[in-house]
């Protein structure tokens, strides 16, 4: 990480030689926190400290990508996808100035740095140091804290949690069924239909038996007057 920051600073010789200059255009990021993996609009605030801001170059961290630079009156912006930088130039701000950038953030939570070179009327300043403390020559890079996405955690939990429920009134297991069906509903329905058929067949059999007995009684009564068919 340090080698990358130093390599970025070495691209501009003037920036390295201007560390002891009178200007001190401090750079900060707003907001200070964002959700890892989200597309977020970051605002780079350049604080005016004696020299007007005329340009800004920001190096994005590994895993991040600039997706859009909102239009800014009086300024020209360029995204370099190869160097992974965003540059604003052509303006002049004799006061605090802010620069917006839409960034697709890295997916890993933690702290990430956005080294910045500020161009001013007094020269250039490189805010690229990895150390957060600021001293006479130390100029810490703007930094952002990435937090875990709580919605992603909830979605993962919901996706991996399954619920099962047994049909009431049955302990039939899937390995006891020849068809491999894991649902007991077809067996319950089949059993009900079979019971209805048994009752219907039994009733029909009894009715036929009763009809035959009545026919025999009537035949006997017709041949033997002494027999009462109602008995």
C-alpha atoms as a PDB file:
ATOM      1  CA  UNK A   1       0.000   0.000   0.000  1.00  0.00           C
ATOM      2  CA  UNK A   2       2.816   2.409   0.907  1.00  0.00           C
ATOM      3  CA  UNK A   3       4.634   1.679  -2.355  1.00  0.00           C
ATOM      4  CA  UNK A   4       1.478   2.467  -4.283  1.00  0.00           C
ATOM      5  CA  UNK A   5       1.011   5.781  -2.500  1.00  0.00           C
ATOM      6  CA  UNK A   6       4.633   6.750  -3.098  1.00  0.00           C
ATOM      7  CA  UNK A   7       4.377   5.768  -6.765  1.00  0.00           C
ATOM      8  CA  UNK A   8       1.290   7.936  -7.137  1.00  0.00           C
ATOM      9  CA  UNK A   9       3.048  10.918  -5.550  1.00  0.00           C
ATOM     10  CA  UNK A  10       6.145  10.504  -7.701  1.00  0.00           C
ATOM     11  CA  UNK A  11       4.060  11.110 -10.830  1.00  0.00           C
ATOM     12  CA  UNK A  12       4.202  14.813  -9.985  1.00  0.00           C
ATOM     13  CA  UNK A  13       7.625  16.198  -9.092  1.00  0.00           C
ATOM     14  CA  UNK A  14       6.156  19.523  -8.140  1.00  0.00           C
ATOM     15  CA  UNK A  15       3.921  17.876  -5.551  1.00  0.00           C
ATOM     16  CA  UNK A  16       6.879  16.316  -3.818  1.00  0.00           C
ATOM     17  CA  UNK A  17       8.828  19.544  -3.751  1.00  0.00           C
ATOM     18  CA  UNK A  18       5.892  21.558  -2.474  1.00  0.00           C
ATOM     19  CA  UNK A  19       5.514  19.791   0.872  1.00  0.00           C
ATOM     20  CA  UNK A  20       7.314  22.645   2.653  1.00  0.00           C
ATOM     21  CA  UNK A  21       5.439  25.384   0.789  1.00  0.00           C
ATOM     22  CA  UNK A  22       3.166  27.955   2.437  1.00  0.00           C
ATOM     23  CA  UNK A  23      -0.112  26.467   1.211  1.00  0.00           C
ATOM     24  CA  UNK A  24      -1.788  23.739   3.267  1.00  0.00           C
ATOM     25  CA  UNK A  25      -5.007  22.752   1.520  1.00  0.00           C
ATOM     26  CA  UNK A  26      -6.204  19.939   3.802  1.00  0.00           C
ATOM     27  CA  UNK A  27      -8.431  17.299   2.154  1.00  0.00           C
ATOM     28  CA  UNK A  28     -11.173  15.300   3.840  1.00  0.00           C
ATOM     29  CA  UNK A  29     -13.924  12.917   2.692  1.00  0.00           C
ATOM     30  CA  UNK A  30     -17.602  13.231   3.475  1.00  0.00           C
ATOM     31  CA  UNK A  31     -19.217  11.068   4.692  1.00  0.00           C
ATOM     32  CA  UNK A  32     -16.614   9.447   6.890  1.00  0.00           C
ATOM     33  CA  UNK A  33     -18.305   6.035   6.640  1.00  0.00           C
ATOM     34  CA  UNK A  34     -20.030   4.110   3.845  1.00  0.00           C
ATOM     35  CA  UNK A  35     -21.311   0.577   3.261  1.00  0.00           C
ATOM     36  CA  UNK A  36     -18.757  -1.740   1.685  1.00  0.00           C
ATOM     37  CA  UNK A  37     -19.631  -2.709  -1.886  1.00  0.00           C
ATOM     38  CA  UNK A  38     -22.125   0.122  -2.348  1.00  0.00           C
ATOM     39  CA  UNK A  39     -22.176   2.822  -5.013  1.00  0.00           C
ATOM     40  CA  UNK A  40     -21.769   6.012  -2.993  1.00  0.00           C
ATOM     41  CA  UNK A  41     -21.283   9.698  -3.742  1.00  0.00           C
ATOM     42  CA  UNK A  42     -18.150  10.842  -1.947  1.00  0.00           C
ATOM     43  CA  UNK A  43     -17.388  14.522  -1.436  1.00  0.00           C
ATOM     44  CA  UNK A  44     -13.744  15.555  -1.273  1.00  0.00           C
ATOM     45  CA  UNK A  45     -13.554  18.763   0.715  1.00  0.00           C
ATOM     46  CA  UNK A  46     -10.452  20.897   0.156  1.00  0.00           C
ATOM     47  CA  UNK A  47     -10.059  23.318   3.043  1.00  0.00           C
ATOM     48  CA  UNK A  48      -8.717  26.742   2.087  1.00  0.00           C
ATOM     49  CA  UNK A  49      -5.612  27.722   4.032  1.00  0.00           C
ATOM     50  CA  UNK A  50      -4.020  30.667   2.239  1.00  0.00           C
ATOM     51  CA  UNK A  51      -3.991  29.675  -1.422  1.00  0.00           C
ATOM     52  CA  UNK A  52      -6.818  29.231  -3.936  1.00  0.00           C
ATOM     53  CA  UNK A  53      -7.484  25.691  -5.156  1.00  0.00           C
ATOM     54  CA  UNK A  54      -7.054  25.271  -8.911  1.00  0.00           C
ATOM     55  CA  UNK A  55      -7.131  21.494  -9.270  1.00  0.00           C
ATOM     56  CA  UNK A  56      -7.435  18.134  -7.539  1.00  0.00           C
ATOM     57  CA  UNK A  57      -6.269  14.610  -8.372  1.00  0.00           C
ATOM     58  CA  UNK A  58      -7.620  11.666  -6.338  1.00  0.00           C
ATOM     59  CA  UNK A  59      -6.252   8.117  -6.432  1.00  0.00           C
ATOM     60  CA  UNK A  60      -8.904   5.474  -5.755  1.00  0.00           C
ATOM     61  CA  UNK A  61      -8.040   2.462  -3.559  1.00  0.00           C
ATOM     62  CA  UNK A  62      -7.751  -1.060  -4.896  1.00  0.00           C
ATOM     63  CA  UNK A  63     -11.163  -2.597  -5.504  1.00  0.00           C
ATOM     64  CA  UNK A  64     -12.864   0.771  -6.037  1.00  0.00           C
ATOM     65  CA  UNK A  65     -13.920   2.369  -9.314  1.00  0.00           C
ATOM     66  CA  UNK A  66     -15.170   5.852 -10.224  1.00  0.00           C
ATOM     67  CA  UNK A  67     -18.479   5.533 -12.069  1.00  0.00           C
ATOM     68  CA  UNK A  68     -19.524   9.186 -12.451  1.00  0.00           C
ATOM     69  CA  UNK A  69     -18.286  12.721 -11.868  1.00  0.00           C
ATOM     70  CA  UNK A  70     -21.216  15.106 -11.348  1.00  0.00           C
ATOM     71  CA  UNK A  71     -20.916  18.283 -13.420  1.00  0.00           C
ATOM     72  CA  UNK A  72     -19.266  21.189 -11.605  1.00  0.00           C
ATOM     73  CA  UNK A  73     -19.510  24.730 -12.945  1.00  0.00           C
ATOM     74  CA  UNK A  74     -16.166  26.165 -13.979  1.00  0.00           C
ATOM     75  CA  UNK A  75     -14.318  22.851 -13.666  1.00  0.00           C
ATOM     76  CA  UNK A  76     -13.305  20.095 -16.064  1.00  0.00           C
ATOM     77  CA  UNK A  77     -13.302  16.525 -14.765  1.00  0.00           C
ATOM     78  CA  UNK A  78     -11.658  13.369 -16.110  1.00  0.00           C
ATOM     79  CA  UNK A  79     -11.798   9.743 -14.975  1.00  0.00           C
ATOM     80  CA  UNK A  80      -8.739   7.652 -15.822  1.00  0.00           C
ATOM     81  CA  UNK A  81      -9.859   4.020 -15.490  1.00  0.00           C
ATOM     82  CA  UNK A  82      -6.333   2.718 -16.148  1.00  0.00           C
ATOM     83  CA  UNK A  83      -4.654   4.752 -13.409  1.00  0.00           C
ATOM     84  CA  UNK A  84      -7.892   4.617 -11.379  1.00  0.00           C
ATOM     85  CA  UNK A  85      -7.854   8.355 -10.726  1.00  0.00           C
ATOM     86  CA  UNK A  86     -10.296  11.253 -10.901  1.00  0.00           C
ATOM     87  CA  UNK A  87      -9.049  14.739 -11.827  1.00  0.00           C
ATOM     88  CA  UNK A  88     -10.622  18.190 -11.610  1.00  0.00           C
ATOM     89  CA  UNK A  89      -8.937  21.181 -13.237  1.00  0.00           C
ATOM     90  CA  UNK A  90      -9.514  24.595 -14.778  1.00  0.00           C
ATOM     91  CA  UNK A  91     -11.195  26.275 -11.828  1.00  0.00           C
ATOM     92  CA  UNK A  92     -10.162  28.602  -9.043  1.00  0.00           C
ATOM     93  CA  UNK A  93     -11.588  28.505  -5.536  1.00  0.00           C
ATOM     94  CA  UNK A  94     -10.345  31.147  -3.068  1.00  0.00           C
ATOM     95  CA  UNK A  95     -12.181  29.357  -0.261  1.00  0.00           C
ATOM     96  CA  UNK A  96     -13.132  25.854   0.874  1.00  0.00           C
ATOM     97  CA  UNK A  97     -14.129  23.802  -2.173  1.00  0.00           C
ATOM     98  CA  UNK A  98     -15.854  20.429  -2.571  1.00  0.00           C
ATOM     99  CA  UNK A  99     -15.666  17.857  -5.374  1.00  0.00           C
ATOM    100  CA  UNK A 100     -18.251  15.088  -5.762  1.00  0.00           C
ATOM    101  CA  UNK A 101     -17.458  11.638  -7.135  1.00  0.00           C
ATOM    102  CA  UNK A 102     -19.676   8.560  -7.447  1.00  0.00           C
ATOM    103  CA  UNK A 103     -17.604   5.536  -6.449  1.00  0.00           C
ATOM    104  CA  UNK A 104     -18.262   1.807  -6.488  1.00  0.00           C
ATOM    105  CA  UNK A 105     -16.626   0.928  -3.202  1.00  0.00           C
ATOM    106  CA  UNK A 106     -14.561  -2.171  -2.312  1.00  0.00           C
ATOM    107  CA  UNK A 107     -16.533  -5.066  -0.864  1.00  0.00           C
ATOM    108  CA  UNK A 108     -14.306  -5.682   2.159  1.00  0.00           C
ATOM    109  CA  UNK A 109     -15.085  -3.694   5.330  1.00  0.00           C
ATOM    110  CA  UNK A 110     -12.260  -1.644   6.817  1.00  0.00           C
ATOM    111  CA  UNK A 111     -10.404   1.605   6.223  1.00  0.00           C
ATOM    112  CA  UNK A 112      -9.417   2.640   2.696  1.00  0.00           C
ATOM    113  CA  UNK A 113      -7.300   5.596   1.587  1.00  0.00           C
ATOM    114  CA  UNK A 114      -7.847   8.077  -1.232  1.00  0.00           C
ATOM    115  CA  UNK A 115      -4.456   9.791  -1.750  1.00  0.00           C
ATOM    116  CA  UNK A 116      -4.939  13.309  -3.160  1.00  0.00           C
ATOM    117  CA  UNK A 117      -2.811  15.968  -4.793  1.00  0.00           C
ATOM    118  CA  UNK A 118      -4.161  19.498  -4.469  1.00  0.00           C
ATOM    119  CA  UNK A 119      -3.145  22.128  -6.998  1.00  0.00           C
ATOM    120  CA  UNK A 120      -3.153  25.667  -5.630  1.00  0.00           C
ATOM    121  CA  UNK A 121      -1.972  29.111  -6.675  1.00  0.00           C
ATOM    122  CA  UNK A 122       1.055  28.560  -4.405  1.00  0.00           C
ATOM    123  CA  UNK A 123       1.946  25.168  -5.879  1.00  0.00           C
ATOM    124  CA  UNK A 124       0.875  21.579  -5.220  1.00  0.00           C
ATOM    125  CA  UNK A 125       0.462  19.564  -2.064  1.00  0.00           C
ATOM    126  CA  UNK A 126       0.431  15.795  -1.807  1.00  0.00           C
ATOM    127  CA  UNK A 127      -1.894  14.433   0.850  1.00  0.00           C
ATOM    128  CA  UNK A 128      -0.778  10.828   0.504  1.00  0.00           C
ATOM    129  CA  UNK A 129       0.598   9.642   3.837  1.00  0.00           C
ATOM    130  CA  UNK A 130      -0.726   6.376   5.220  1.00  0.00           C
ATOM    131  CA  UNK A 131      -0.278   7.506   8.821  1.00  0.00           C
ATOM    132  CA  UNK A 132      -3.329   9.314  10.109  1.00  0.00           C
ATOM    133  CA  UNK A 133      -1.476  11.752  12.349  1.00  0.00           C
ATOM    134  CA  UNK A 134      -0.667  15.163  10.918  1.00  0.00           C
ATOM    135  CA  UNK A 135       2.569  16.980  11.721  1.00  0.00           C
ATOM    136  CA  UNK A 136       4.778  19.649  10.201  1.00  0.00           C
ATOM    137  CA  UNK A 137       5.459  17.568   7.101  1.00  0.00           C
ATOM    138  CA  UNK A 138       2.961  14.717   7.518  1.00  0.00           C
ATOM    139  CA  UNK A 139      -0.043  15.011   5.238  1.00  0.00           C
ATOM    140  CA  UNK A 140      -2.388  12.019   5.759  1.00  0.00           C
ATOM    141  CA  UNK A 141      -4.385  10.789   2.785  1.00  0.00           C
ATOM    142  CA  UNK A 142      -8.158  11.219   2.915  1.00  0.00           C
ATOM    143  CA  UNK A 143      -9.654   8.047   4.358  1.00  0.00           C
ATOM    144  CA  UNK A 144     -13.001   6.302   4.450  1.00  0.00           C
ATOM    145  CA  UNK A 145     -14.290   3.595   6.797  1.00  0.00           C
ATOM    146  CA  UNK A 146     -16.206   0.830   5.065  1.00  0.00           C
ATOM    147  CA  UNK A 147     -18.852  -0.936   7.150  1.00  0.00           C
ATOM    148  CA  UNK A 148     -20.511  -4.296   6.539  1.00  0.00           C
ATOM    149  CA  UNK A 149     -23.869  -4.272   4.782  1.00  0.00           C
ATOM    150  CA  UNK A 150     -26.514  -5.293   7.386  1.00  0.00           C
ATOM    151  CA  UNK A 151     -29.034  -6.041   4.647  1.00  0.00           C
ATOM    152  CA  UNK A 152     -26.653  -8.495   3.019  1.00  0.00           C
ATOM    153  CA  UNK A 153     -26.248 -10.306   6.360  1.00  0.00           C
ATOM    154  CA  UNK A 154     -30.017 -10.534   6.837  1.00  0.00           C
ATOM    155  CA  UNK A 155     -30.524 -11.767   3.278  1.00  0.00           C
ATOM    156  CA  UNK A 156     -27.854 -14.442   3.721  1.00  0.00           C
ATOM    157  CA  UNK A 157     -29.433 -15.627   6.971  1.00  0.00           C
ATOM    158  CA  UNK A 158     -32.882 -15.798   5.377  1.00  0.00           C
ATOM    159  CA  UNK A 159     -31.546 -17.702   2.383  1.00  0.00           C
ATOM    160  CA  UNK A 160     -29.769 -20.316   4.512  1.00  0.00           C
ATOM    161  CA  UNK A 161     -32.607 -20.819   7.024  1.00  0.00           C
ATOM    162  CA  UNK A 162     -35.216 -23.438   6.110  1.00  0.00           C
ATOM    163  CA  UNK A 163     -38.305 -24.553   8.010  1.00  0.00           C
ATOM    164  CA  UNK A 164     -40.041 -27.918   7.854  1.00  0.00           C
ATOM    165  CA  UNK A 165     -43.444 -29.004   9.134  1.00  0.00           C
ATOM    166  CA  UNK A 166     -45.052 -32.445   9.256  1.00  0.00           C
ATOM    167  CA  UNK A 167     -48.636 -32.986   8.216  1.00  0.00           C
ATOM    168  CA  UNK A 168     -50.818 -33.499  11.315  1.00  0.00           C
ATOM    169  CA  UNK A 169     -51.977 -37.000  12.116  1.00  0.00           C
ATOM    170  CA  UNK A 170     -49.227 -38.931  10.287  1.00  0.00           C
ATOM    171  CA  UNK A 171     -45.734 -40.225  10.995  1.00  0.00           C
ATOM    172  CA  UNK A 172     -45.172 -41.683   7.554  1.00  0.00           C
ATOM    173  CA  UNK A 173     -41.537 -41.352   6.520  1.00  0.00           C
ATOM    174  CA  UNK A 174     -40.275 -40.807   3.001  1.00  0.00           C
ATOM    175  CA  UNK A 175     -38.136 -43.966   3.021  1.00  0.00           C
ATOM    176  CA  UNK A 176     -41.261 -46.102   3.647  1.00  0.00           C
ATOM    177  CA  UNK A 177     -42.896 -45.039   0.370  1.00  0.00           C
ATOM    178  CA  UNK A 178     -42.235 -46.857  -2.839  1.00  0.00           C
ATOM    179  CA  UNK A 179     -42.705 -43.760  -5.008  1.00  0.00           C
ATOM    180  CA  UNK A 180     -40.179 -41.694  -3.065  1.00  0.00           C
ATOM    181  CA  UNK A 181     -42.749 -38.921  -2.488  1.00  0.00           C
ATOM    182  CA  UNK A 182     -41.899 -36.975   0.647  1.00  0.00           C
ATOM    183  CA  UNK A 183     -45.469 -35.715   1.123  1.00  0.00           C
ATOM    184  CA  UNK A 184     -48.014 -37.739   3.154  1.00  0.00           C
ATOM    185  CA  UNK A 185     -51.005 -36.010   1.598  1.00  0.00           C
ATOM    186  CA  UNK A 186     -51.485 -38.526  -1.308  1.00  0.00           C
ATOM    187  CA  UNK A 187     -51.488 -41.406   1.195  1.00  0.00           C
ATOM    188  CA  UNK A 188     -54.088 -39.747   3.382  1.00  0.00           C
ATOM    189  CA  UNK A 189     -56.331 -39.001   0.394  1.00  0.00           C
ATOM    190  CA  UNK A 190     -55.920 -42.555  -0.966  1.00  0.00           C
ATOM    191  CA  UNK A 191     -56.789 -44.061   2.412  1.00  0.00           C
ATOM    192  CA  UNK A 192     -59.947 -41.943   2.609  1.00  0.00           C
ATOM    193  CA  UNK A 193     -61.078 -42.986  -0.863  1.00  0.00           C
ATOM    194  CA  UNK A 194     -60.470 -46.681  -0.040  1.00  0.00           C
ATOM    195  CA  UNK A 195     -62.532 -46.380   3.147  1.00  0.00           C
ATOM    196  CA  UNK A 196     -65.435 -44.832   1.253  1.00  0.00           C
ATOM    197  CA  UNK A 197     -65.317 -47.620  -1.354  1.00  0.00           C
ATOM    198  CA  UNK A 198     -65.322 -50.316   1.342  1.00  0.00           C
ATOM    199  CA  UNK A 199     -68.361 -48.794   3.026  1.00  0.00           C
ATOM    200  CA  UNK A 200     -70.198 -48.431  -0.280  1.00  0.00           C
ATOM    201  CA  UNK A 201     -69.476 -52.022  -1.348  1.00  0.00           C
ATOM    202  CA  UNK A 202     -70.483 -53.358   2.059  1.00  0.00           C
ATOM    203  CA  UNK A 203     -73.761 -51.450   1.953  1.00  0.00           C
ATOM    204  CA  UNK A 204     -74.522 -52.679  -1.544  1.00  0.00           C
ATOM    205  CA  UNK A 205     -73.808 -56.300  -0.497  1.00  0.00           C
ATOM    206  CA  UNK A 206     -76.142 -56.070   2.517  1.00  0.00           C
ATOM    207  CA  UNK A 207     -78.906 -54.512   0.394  1.00  0.00           C
ATOM    208  CA  UNK A 208     -78.699 -57.298  -2.161  1.00  0.00           C
ATOM    209  CA  UNK A 209     -78.758 -59.930   0.574  1.00  0.00           C
ATOM    210  CA  UNK A 210     -81.884 -58.346   2.085  1.00  0.00           C
ATOM    211  CA  UNK A 211     -83.566 -58.206  -1.339  1.00  0.00           C
ATOM    212  CA  UNK A 212     -82.907 -61.919  -1.919  1.00  0.00           C
ATOM    213  CA  UNK A 213     -84.380 -62.816   1.468  1.00  0.00           C
ATOM    214  CA  UNK A 214     -87.508 -60.765   0.715  1.00  0.00           C
ATOM    215  CA  UNK A 215     -87.919 -62.482  -2.649  1.00  0.00           C
ATOM    216  CA  UNK A 216     -87.635 -65.933  -1.006  1.00  0.00           C
ATOM    217  CA  UNK A 217     -90.247 -65.010   1.616  1.00  0.00           C
ATOM    218  CA  UNK A 218     -92.652 -63.806  -1.056  1.00  0.00           C
ATOM    219  CA  UNK A 219     -92.175 -67.000  -3.091  1.00  0.00           C
ATOM    220  CA  UNK A 220     -92.835 -69.162  -0.043  1.00  0.00           C
ATOM    221  CA  UNK A 221     -95.974 -67.190   0.800  1.00  0.00           C
ATOM    222  CA  UNK A 222     -97.309 -67.656  -2.718  1.00  0.00           C
ATOM    223  CA  UNK A 223     -96.972 -71.480  -2.567  1.00  0.00           C
ATOM    224  CA  UNK A 224     -97.991 -71.914   1.046  1.00  0.00           C
ATOM    225  CA  UNK A 225    -101.005 -69.815   2.113  1.00  0.00           C
ATOM    226  CA  UNK A 226    -100.340 -70.676   5.745  1.00  0.00           C
ATOM    227  CA  UNK A 227     -97.121 -68.646   5.703  1.00  0.00           C
ATOM    228  CA  UNK A 228     -97.537 -64.967   6.502  1.00  0.00           C
ATOM    229  CA  UNK A 229     -95.057 -62.977   4.314  1.00  0.00           C
ATOM    230  CA  UNK A 230     -94.985 -60.223   6.963  1.00  0.00           C
ATOM    231  CA  UNK A 231     -93.589 -62.596   9.601  1.00  0.00           C
END
